[in-house]
Amino acid sequence: MQNSLLFIELLDQMKYIHRSVILQNSNHENNAEHSYHLAMMVLILAPKFPKLSLEKCLIFALVHDIVEIYAWDTIALDIEAEKTKHERE
């Protein structure tokens, strides 16, 4: 139980990792918002893909950026940041 509570506390850090924005007029969001929006998209689009596991897709949507608590967000077009991304993650 203690480990679960520590992990839940760690997840709070997702709110403090701001996503890089590459599109003009895009709203800035943090990783917690990003993961929530992705999970909602999975729920909305899941009926279109009945062969996919809804549970697995939701899990992936919610956990895919947890590593950024330690490694921070790397913008896809940042060539210099890409050089250290693997090491950071």
PDB file of N, CA and C in Angstrom:
ATOM      1  N   MET A   1       0.821  -1.194   0.000  1.00  0.00           N
ATOM      2  CA  MET A   1       0.000   0.000   0.000  1.00  0.00           C
ATOM      3  C   MET A   1       0.869   1.264   0.000  1.00  0.00           C
ATOM      4  N   GLN A   2       1.948   1.239   0.758  1.00  0.00           N
ATOM      5  CA  GLN A   2       2.832   2.396   0.835  1.00  0.00           C
ATOM      6  C   GLN A   2       3.408   2.745  -0.536  1.00  0.00           C
ATOM      7  N   ASN A   3       3.831   1.721  -1.287  1.00  0.00           N
ATOM      8  CA  ASN A   3       4.381   1.965  -2.622  1.00  0.00           C
ATOM      9  C   ASN A   3       3.328   2.562  -3.554  1.00  0.00           C
ATOM     10  N   SER A   4       2.108   2.093  -3.436  1.00  0.00           N
ATOM     11  CA  SER A   4       1.031   2.633  -4.267  1.00  0.00           C
ATOM     12  C   SER A   4       0.797   4.102  -3.959  1.00  0.00           C
ATOM     13  N   LEU A   5       0.801   4.452  -2.691  1.00  0.00           N
ATOM     14  CA  LEU A   5       0.599   5.841  -2.300  1.00  0.00           C
ATOM     15  C   LEU A   5       1.763   6.722  -2.762  1.00  0.00           C
ATOM     16  N   LEU A   6       2.977   6.192  -2.680  1.00  0.00           N
ATOM     17  CA  LEU A   6       4.141   6.943  -3.160  1.00  0.00           C
ATOM     18  C   LEU A   6       4.060   7.170  -4.670  1.00  0.00           C
ATOM     19  N   PHE A   7       3.590   6.168  -5.401  1.00  0.00           N
ATOM     20  CA  PHE A   7       3.450   6.301  -6.851  1.00  0.00           C
ATOM     21  C   PHE A   7       2.374   7.328  -7.191  1.00  0.00           C
ATOM     22  N   ILE A   8       1.270   7.294  -6.473  1.00  0.00           N
ATOM     23  CA  ILE A   8       0.207   8.276  -6.689  1.00  0.00           C
ATOM     24  C   ILE A   8       0.729   9.682  -6.421  1.00  0.00           C
ATOM     25  N   GLU A   9       1.531   9.828  -5.391  1.00  0.00           N
ATOM     26  CA  GLU A   9       2.135  11.124  -5.087  1.00  0.00           C
ATOM     27  C   GLU A   9       3.085  11.554  -6.200  1.00  0.00           C
ATOM     28  N   LEU A  10       3.861  10.621  -6.729  1.00  0.00           N
ATOM     29  CA  LEU A  10       4.772  10.915  -7.835  1.00  0.00           C
ATOM     30  C   LEU A  10       4.004  11.398  -9.061  1.00  0.00           C
ATOM     31  N   LEU A  11       2.862  10.786  -9.333  1.00  0.00           N
ATOM     32  CA  LEU A  11       2.070  11.155 -10.502  1.00  0.00           C
ATOM     33  C   LEU A  11       1.634  12.617 -10.465  1.00  0.00           C
ATOM     34  N   ASP A  12       1.558  13.190  -9.286  1.00  0.00           N
ATOM     35  CA  ASP A  12       1.191  14.595  -9.162  1.00  0.00           C
ATOM     36  C   ASP A  12       2.165  15.491  -9.918  1.00  0.00           C
ATOM     37  N   GLN A  13       3.391  15.017 -10.094  1.00  0.00           N
ATOM     38  CA  GLN A  13       4.406  15.796 -10.808  1.00  0.00           C
ATOM     39  C   GLN A  13       4.051  15.995 -12.280  1.00  0.00           C
ATOM     40  N   MET A  14       3.157  15.178 -12.803  1.00  0.00           N
ATOM     41  CA  MET A  14       2.744  15.313 -14.205  1.00  0.00           C
ATOM     42  C   MET A  14       2.159  16.702 -14.476  1.00  0.00           C
ATOM     43  N   LYS A  15       1.592  17.316 -13.448  1.00  0.00           N
ATOM     44  CA  LYS A  15       0.981  18.639 -13.610  1.00  0.00           C
ATOM     45  C   LYS A  15       2.018  19.726 -13.855  1.00  0.00           C
ATOM     46  N   TYR A  16       3.273  19.453 -13.509  1.00  0.00           N
ATOM     47  CA  TYR A  16       4.310  20.470 -13.593  1.00  0.00           C
ATOM     48  C   TYR A  16       5.210  20.331 -14.815  1.00  0.00           C
ATOM     49  N   ILE A  17       4.918  19.358 -15.666  1.00  0.00           N
ATOM     50  CA  ILE A  17       5.695  19.158 -16.889  1.00  0.00           C
ATOM     51  C   ILE A  17       4.883  19.737 -18.040  1.00  0.00           C
ATOM     52  N   HIS A  18       5.349  20.846 -18.572  1.00  0.00           N
ATOM     53  CA  HIS A  18       4.630  21.514 -19.645  1.00  0.00           C
ATOM     54  C   HIS A  18       5.072  20.959 -20.989  1.00  0.00           C
ATOM     55  N   ARG A  19       4.100  20.691 -21.821  1.00  0.00           N
ATOM     56  CA  ARG A  19       4.344  20.089 -23.123  1.00  0.00           C
ATOM     57  C   ARG A  19       4.906  21.120 -24.085  1.00  0.00           C
ATOM     58  N   SER A  20       5.783  20.673 -24.955  1.00  0.00           N
ATOM     59  CA  SER A  20       6.284  21.523 -26.020  1.00  0.00           C
ATOM     60  C   SER A  20       5.202  21.651 -27.079  1.00  0.00           C
ATOM     61  N   VAL A  21       5.096  22.825 -27.638  1.00  0.00           N
ATOM     62  CA  VAL A  21       4.073  23.076 -28.654  1.00  0.00           C
ATOM     63  C   VAL A  21       4.777  23.400 -29.962  1.00  0.00           C
ATOM     64  N   ILE A  22       4.424  22.669 -31.009  1.00  0.00           N
ATOM     65  CA  ILE A  22       5.057  22.916 -32.310  1.00  0.00           C
ATOM     66  C   ILE A  22       4.095  23.592 -33.283  1.00  0.00           C
ATOM     67  N   LEU A  23       2.809  23.592 -32.988  1.00  0.00           N
ATOM     68  CA  LEU A  23       1.832  24.211 -33.875  1.00  0.00           C
ATOM     69  C   LEU A  23       1.466  25.596 -33.364  1.00  0.00           C
ATOM     70  N   GLN A  24       1.392  26.549 -34.276  1.00  0.00           N
ATOM     71  CA  GLN A  24       0.955  27.875 -33.880  1.00  0.00           C
ATOM     72  C   GLN A  24      -0.491  27.809 -33.420  1.00  0.00           C
ATOM     73  N   ASN A  25      -0.861  28.675 -32.512  1.00  0.00           N
ATOM     74  CA  ASN A  25      -2.222  28.768 -31.976  1.00  0.00           C
ATOM     75  C   ASN A  25      -2.622  27.541 -31.167  1.00  0.00           C
ATOM     76  N   SER A  26      -1.657  26.717 -30.776  1.00  0.00           N
ATOM     77  CA  SER A  26      -1.954  25.565 -29.928  1.00  0.00           C
ATOM     78  C   SER A  26      -1.985  26.012 -28.472  1.00  0.00           C
ATOM     79  N   ASN A  27      -2.880  25.452 -27.722  1.00  0.00           N
ATOM     80  CA  ASN A  27      -2.916  25.728 -26.292  1.00  0.00           C
ATOM     81  C   ASN A  27      -1.787  24.969 -25.611  1.00  0.00           C
ATOM     82  N   HIS A  28      -1.154  25.611 -24.664  1.00  0.00           N
ATOM     83  CA  HIS A  28      -0.145  24.928 -23.872  1.00  0.00           C
ATOM     84  C   HIS A  28      -0.868  24.028 -22.881  1.00  0.00           C
ATOM     85  N   GLU A  29      -0.343  22.855 -22.658  1.00  0.00           N
ATOM     86  CA  GLU A  29      -0.933  21.951 -21.673  1.00  0.00           C
ATOM     87  C   GLU A  29       0.181  21.242 -20.932  1.00  0.00           C
ATOM     88  N   ASN A  30      -0.155  20.725 -19.759  1.00  0.00           N
ATOM     89  CA  ASN A  30       0.823  19.939 -19.013  1.00  0.00           C
ATOM     90  C   ASN A  30       0.604  18.464 -19.320  1.00  0.00           C
ATOM     91  N   ASN A  31       1.492  17.621 -18.819  1.00  0.00           N
ATOM     92  CA  ASN A  31       1.405  16.194 -19.136  1.00  0.00           C
ATOM     93  C   ASN A  31       0.158  15.532 -18.561  1.00  0.00           C
ATOM     94  N   ALA A  32      -0.310  15.994 -17.413  1.00  0.00           N
ATOM     95  CA  ALA A  32      -1.532  15.415 -16.837  1.00  0.00           C
ATOM     96  C   ALA A  32      -2.721  15.698 -17.756  1.00  0.00           C
ATOM     97  N   GLU A  33      -2.817  16.931 -18.248  1.00  0.00           N
ATOM     98  CA  GLU A  33      -3.901  17.279 -19.168  1.00  0.00           C
ATOM     99  C   GLU A  33      -3.780  16.487 -20.464  1.00  0.00           C
ATOM    100  N   HIS A  34      -2.578  16.381 -20.966  1.00  0.00           N
ATOM    101  CA  HIS A  34      -2.327  15.647 -22.206  1.00  0.00           C
ATOM    102  C   HIS A  34      -2.768  14.179 -22.073  1.00  0.00           C
ATOM    103  N   SER A  35      -2.362  13.536 -20.988  1.00  0.00           N
ATOM    104  CA  SER A  35      -2.721  12.131 -20.792  1.00  0.00           C
ATOM    105  C   SER A  35      -4.228  11.957 -20.626  1.00  0.00           C
ATOM    106  N   TYR A  36      -4.860  12.888 -19.926  1.00  0.00           N
ATOM    107  CA  TYR A  36      -6.318  12.850 -19.762  1.00  0.00           C
ATOM    108  C   TYR A  36      -7.016  12.984 -21.118  1.00  0.00           C
ATOM    109  N   HIS A  37      -6.587  13.962 -21.917  1.00  0.00           N
ATOM    110  CA  HIS A  37      -7.218  14.158 -23.225  1.00  0.00           C
ATOM    111  C   HIS A  37      -7.028  12.940 -24.123  1.00  0.00           C
ATOM    112  N   LEU A  38      -5.842  12.349 -24.071  1.00  0.00           N
ATOM    113  CA  LEU A  38      -5.596  11.154 -24.873  1.00  0.00           C
ATOM    114  C   LEU A  38      -6.487   9.996 -24.422  1.00  0.00           C
ATOM    115  N   ALA A  39      -6.640   9.814 -23.118  1.00  0.00           N
ATOM    116  CA  ALA A  39      -7.516   8.752 -22.603  1.00  0.00           C
ATOM    117  C   ALA A  39      -8.966   8.986 -23.037  1.00  0.00           C
ATOM    118  N   MET A  40      -9.401  10.241 -23.034  1.00  0.00           N
ATOM    119  CA  MET A  40     -10.763  10.548 -23.485  1.00  0.00           C
ATOM    120  C   MET A  40     -10.923  10.257 -24.975  1.00  0.00           C
ATOM    121  N   MET A  41      -9.888  10.558 -25.770  1.00  0.00           N
ATOM    122  CA  MET A  41      -9.945  10.239 -27.199  1.00  0.00           C
ATOM    123  C   MET A  41     -10.063   8.729 -27.408  1.00  0.00           C
ATOM    124  N   VAL A  42      -9.335   7.968 -26.593  1.00  0.00           N
ATOM    125  CA  VAL A  42      -9.425   6.506 -26.677  1.00  0.00           C
ATOM    126  C   VAL A  42     -10.862   6.065 -26.423  1.00  0.00           C
ATOM    127  N   LEU A  43     -11.481   6.595 -25.369  1.00  0.00           N
ATOM    128  CA  LEU A  43     -12.873   6.228 -25.061  1.00  0.00           C
ATOM    129  C   LEU A  43     -13.818   6.573 -26.206  1.00  0.00           C
ATOM    130  N   ILE A  44     -13.612   7.728 -26.795  1.00  0.00           N
ATOM    131  CA  ILE A  44     -14.499   8.179 -27.878  1.00  0.00           C
ATOM    132  C   ILE A  44     -14.291   7.367 -29.149  1.00  0.00           C
ATOM    133  N   LEU A  45     -13.043   7.055 -29.469  1.00  0.00           N
ATOM    134  CA  LEU A  45     -12.738   6.377 -30.729  1.00  0.00           C
ATOM    135  C   LEU A  45     -12.746   4.852 -30.639  1.00  0.00           C
ATOM    136  N   ALA A  46     -12.717   4.307 -29.443  1.00  0.00           N
ATOM    137  CA  ALA A  46     -12.638   2.845 -29.265  1.00  0.00           C
ATOM    138  C   ALA A  46     -13.716   2.074 -30.031  1.00  0.00           C
ATOM    139  N   PRO A  47     -14.960   2.523 -30.056  1.00  0.00           N
ATOM    140  CA  PRO A  47     -15.972   1.755 -30.800  1.00  0.00           C
ATOM    141  C   PRO A  47     -15.661   1.583 -32.285  1.00  0.00           C
ATOM    142  N   LYS A  48     -14.833   2.447 -32.832  1.00  0.00           N
ATOM    143  CA  LYS A  48     -14.456   2.347 -34.250  1.00  0.00           C
ATOM    144  C   LYS A  48     -13.423   1.244 -34.495  1.00  0.00           C
ATOM    145  N   PHE A  49     -12.799   0.766 -33.414  1.00  0.00           N
ATOM    146  CA  PHE A  49     -11.736  -0.245 -33.510  1.00  0.00           C
ATOM    147  C   PHE A  49     -12.017  -1.392 -32.548  1.00  0.00           C
ATOM    148  N   PRO A  50     -13.029  -2.199 -32.828  1.00  0.00           N
ATOM    149  CA  PRO A  50     -13.454  -3.236 -31.876  1.00  0.00           C
ATOM    150  C   PRO A  50     -12.422  -4.330 -31.611  1.00  0.00           C
ATOM    151  N   LYS A  51     -11.434  -4.489 -32.487  1.00  0.00           N
ATOM    152  CA  LYS A  51     -10.422  -5.529 -32.268  1.00  0.00           C
ATOM    153  C   LYS A  51      -9.372  -5.106 -31.249  1.00  0.00           C
ATOM    154  N   LEU A  52      -9.286  -3.806 -30.951  1.00  0.00           N
ATOM    155  CA  LEU A  52      -8.325  -3.325 -29.971  1.00  0.00           C
ATOM    156  C   LEU A  52      -8.870  -3.500 -28.563  1.00  0.00           C
ATOM    157  N   SER A  53      -7.978  -3.725 -27.636  1.00  0.00           N
ATOM    158  CA  SER A  53      -8.359  -3.840 -26.233  1.00  0.00           C
ATOM    159  C   SER A  53      -8.505  -2.429 -25.656  1.00  0.00           C
ATOM    160  N   LEU A  54      -9.717  -2.074 -25.257  1.00  0.00           N
ATOM    161  CA  LEU A  54      -9.962  -0.767 -24.658  1.00  0.00           C
ATOM    162  C   LEU A  54      -9.111  -0.592 -23.404  1.00  0.00           C
ATOM    163  N   GLU A  55      -9.032  -1.633 -22.595  1.00  0.00           N
ATOM    164  CA  GLU A  55      -8.252  -1.552 -21.360  1.00  0.00           C
ATOM    165  C   GLU A  55      -6.783  -1.247 -21.650  1.00  0.00           C
ATOM    166  N   LYS A  56      -6.181  -1.965 -22.587  1.00  0.00           N
ATOM    167  CA  LYS A  56      -4.768  -1.733 -22.915  1.00  0.00           C
ATOM    168  C   LYS A  56      -4.560  -0.338 -23.481  1.00  0.00           C
ATOM    169  N   CYS A  57      -5.447   0.103 -24.352  1.00  0.00           N
ATOM    170  CA  CYS A  57      -5.314   1.432 -24.944  1.00  0.00           C
ATOM    171  C   CYS A  57      -5.420   2.515 -23.884  1.00  0.00           C
ATOM    172  N   LEU A  58      -6.328   2.368 -22.929  1.00  0.00           N
ATOM    173  CA  LEU A  58      -6.455   3.344 -21.840  1.00  0.00           C
ATOM    174  C   LEU A  58      -5.204   3.351 -20.965  1.00  0.00           C
ATOM    175  N   ILE A  59      -4.682   2.175 -20.679  1.00  0.00           N
ATOM    176  CA  ILE A  59      -3.455   2.095 -19.877  1.00  0.00           C
ATOM    177  C   ILE A  59      -2.321   2.815 -20.595  1.00  0.00           C
ATOM    178  N   PHE A  60      -2.142   2.542 -21.882  1.00  0.00           N
ATOM    179  CA  PHE A  60      -1.080   3.209 -22.645  1.00  0.00           C
ATOM    180  C   PHE A  60      -1.270   4.726 -22.645  1.00  0.00           C
ATOM    181  N   ALA A  61      -2.507   5.159 -22.836  1.00  0.00           N
ATOM    182  CA  ALA A  61      -2.779   6.599 -22.869  1.00  0.00           C
ATOM    183  C   ALA A  61      -2.417   7.266 -21.543  1.00  0.00           C
ATOM    184  N   LEU A  62      -2.677   6.585 -20.446  1.00  0.00           N
ATOM    185  CA  LEU A  62      -2.450   7.175 -19.130  1.00  0.00           C
ATOM    186  C   LEU A  62      -0.995   7.101 -18.670  1.00  0.00           C
ATOM    187  N   VAL A  63      -0.243   6.124 -19.155  1.00  0.00           N
ATOM    188  CA  VAL A  63       1.119   5.956 -18.642  1.00  0.00           C
ATOM    189  C   VAL A  63       2.220   6.360 -19.615  1.00  0.00           C
ATOM    190  N   HIS A  64       1.883   6.661 -20.856  1.00  0.00           N
ATOM    191  CA  HIS A  64       2.929   6.825 -21.878  1.00  0.00           C
ATOM    192  C   HIS A  64       3.911   7.960 -21.599  1.00  0.00           C
ATOM    193  N   ASP A  65       3.548   8.947 -20.827  1.00  0.00           N
ATOM    194  CA  ASP A  65       4.458  10.067 -20.566  1.00  0.00           C
ATOM    195  C   ASP A  65       4.947  10.142 -19.125  1.00  0.00           C
ATOM    196  N   ILE A  66       4.711   9.123 -18.327  1.00  0.00           N
ATOM    197  CA  ILE A  66       5.171   9.148 -16.935  1.00  0.00           C
ATOM    198  C   ILE A  66       6.694   9.309 -16.870  1.00  0.00           C
ATOM    199  N   VAL A  67       7.405   8.737 -17.826  1.00  0.00           N
ATOM    200  CA  VAL A  67       8.868   8.845 -17.849  1.00  0.00           C
ATOM    201  C   VAL A  67       9.318  10.303 -17.876  1.00  0.00           C
ATOM    202  N   GLU A  68       8.473  11.190 -18.373  1.00  0.00           N
ATOM    203  CA  GLU A  68       8.846  12.595 -18.481  1.00  0.00           C
ATOM    204  C   GLU A  68       8.918  13.290 -17.116  1.00  0.00           C
ATOM    205  N   ILE A  69       8.439  12.640 -16.066  1.00  0.00           N
ATOM    206  CA  ILE A  69       8.643  13.171 -14.724  1.00  0.00           C
ATOM    207  C   ILE A  69      10.141  13.311 -14.475  1.00  0.00           C
ATOM    208  N   TYR A  70      10.907  12.379 -15.010  1.00  0.00           N
ATOM    209  CA  TYR A  70      12.361  12.390 -14.839  1.00  0.00           C
ATOM    210  C   TYR A  70      13.088  12.969 -16.055  1.00  0.00           C
ATOM    211  N   ALA A  71      12.552  12.749 -17.252  1.00  0.00           N
ATOM    212  CA  ALA A  71      13.267  13.104 -18.482  1.00  0.00           C
ATOM    213  C   ALA A  71      12.757  14.389 -19.135  1.00  0.00           C
ATOM    214  N   TRP A  72      11.640  14.923 -18.702  1.00  0.00           N
ATOM    215  CA  TRP A  72      10.983  16.093 -19.278  1.00  0.00           C
ATOM    216  C   TRP A  72      10.549  15.809 -20.709  1.00  0.00           C
ATOM    217  N   ASP A  73       9.776  16.706 -21.246  1.00  0.00           N
ATOM    218  CA  ASP A  73       9.241  16.553 -22.593  1.00  0.00           C
ATOM    219  C   ASP A  73      10.315  16.926 -23.613  1.00  0.00           C
ATOM    220  N   THR A  74      10.421  16.146 -24.675  1.00  0.00           N
ATOM    221  CA  THR A  74      11.343  16.457 -25.758  1.00  0.00           C
ATOM    222  C   THR A  74      10.525  16.749 -27.000  1.00  0.00           C
ATOM    223  N   ILE A  75      10.657  17.958 -27.505  1.00  0.00           N
ATOM    224  CA  ILE A  75       9.926  18.316 -28.718  1.00  0.00           C
ATOM    225  C   ILE A  75      10.493  17.508 -29.887  1.00  0.00           C
ATOM    226  N   ALA A  76       9.627  17.002 -30.717  1.00  0.00           N
ATOM    227  CA  ALA A  76      10.024  16.090 -31.794  1.00  0.00           C
ATOM    228  C   ALA A  76      11.012  16.711 -32.774  1.00  0.00           C
ATOM    229  N   LEU A  77      10.959  18.006 -32.961  1.00  0.00           N
ATOM    230  CA  LEU A  77      11.818  18.654 -33.953  1.00  0.00           C
ATOM    231  C   LEU A  77      13.101  19.223 -33.363  1.00  0.00           C
ATOM    232  N   ASP A  78      13.352  18.986 -32.082  1.00  0.00           N
ATOM    233  CA  ASP A  78      14.556  19.502 -31.422  1.00  0.00           C
ATOM    234  C   ASP A  78      15.699  18.496 -31.591  1.00  0.00           C
ATOM    235  N   ILE A  79      16.544  18.729 -32.566  1.00  0.00           N
ATOM    236  CA  ILE A  79      17.609  17.792 -32.915  1.00  0.00           C
ATOM    237  C   ILE A  79      18.591  17.611 -31.757  1.00  0.00           C
ATOM    238  N   GLU A  80      18.941  18.687 -31.066  1.00  0.00           N
ATOM    239  CA  GLU A  80      19.874  18.595 -29.939  1.00  0.00           C
ATOM    240  C   GLU A  80      19.275  17.782 -28.795  1.00  0.00           C
ATOM    241  N   ALA A  81      18.021  18.009 -28.462  1.00  0.00           N
ATOM    242  CA  ALA A  81      17.375  17.267 -27.382  1.00  0.00           C
ATOM    243  C   ALA A  81      17.218  15.790 -27.743  1.00  0.00           C
ATOM    244  N   GLU A  82      17.001  15.517 -29.019  1.00  0.00           N
ATOM    245  CA  GLU A  82      16.877  14.129 -29.474  1.00  0.00           C
ATOM    246  C   GLU A  82      18.148  13.335 -29.193  1.00  0.00           C
ATOM    247  N   LYS A  83      19.297  14.008 -29.223  1.00  0.00           N
ATOM    248  CA  LYS A  83      20.581  13.328 -29.002  1.00  0.00           C
ATOM    249  C   LYS A  83      20.680  12.741 -27.593  1.00  0.00           C
ATOM    250  N   THR A  84      20.023  13.341 -26.620  1.00  0.00           N
ATOM    251  CA  THR A  84      20.111  12.868 -25.231  1.00  0.00           C
ATOM    252  C   THR A  84      18.815  12.227 -24.743  1.00  0.00           C
ATOM    253  N   LYS A  85      17.807  12.158 -25.588  1.00  0.00           N
ATOM    254  CA  LYS A  85      16.499  11.652 -25.175  1.00  0.00           C
ATOM    255  C   LYS A  85      16.590  10.221 -24.628  1.00  0.00           C
ATOM    256  N   HIS A  86      17.252   9.342 -25.350  1.00  0.00           N
ATOM    257  CA  HIS A  86      17.351   7.944 -24.934  1.00  0.00           C
ATOM    258  C   HIS A  86      18.002   7.835 -23.557  1.00  0.00           C
ATOM    259  N   GLU A  87      19.080   8.563 -23.357  1.00  0.00           N
ATOM    260  CA  GLU A  87      19.790   8.534 -22.074  1.00  0.00           C
ATOM    261  C   GLU A  87      18.910   9.066 -20.954  1.00  0.00           C
ATOM    262  N   ARG A  88      18.189  10.170 -21.208  1.00  0.00           N
ATOM    263  CA  ARG A  88      17.327  10.755 -20.185  1.00  0.00           C
ATOM    264  C   ARG A  88      16.163   9.843 -19.836  1.00  0.00           C
ATOM    265  N   GLU A  89      15.614   9.180 -20.843  1.00  0.00           N
ATOM    266  CA  GLU A  89      14.472   8.316 -20.588  1.00  0.00           C
ATOM    267  C   GLU A  89      14.906   6.981 -20.043  1.00  0.00           C
TER     268      GLU A  89
END
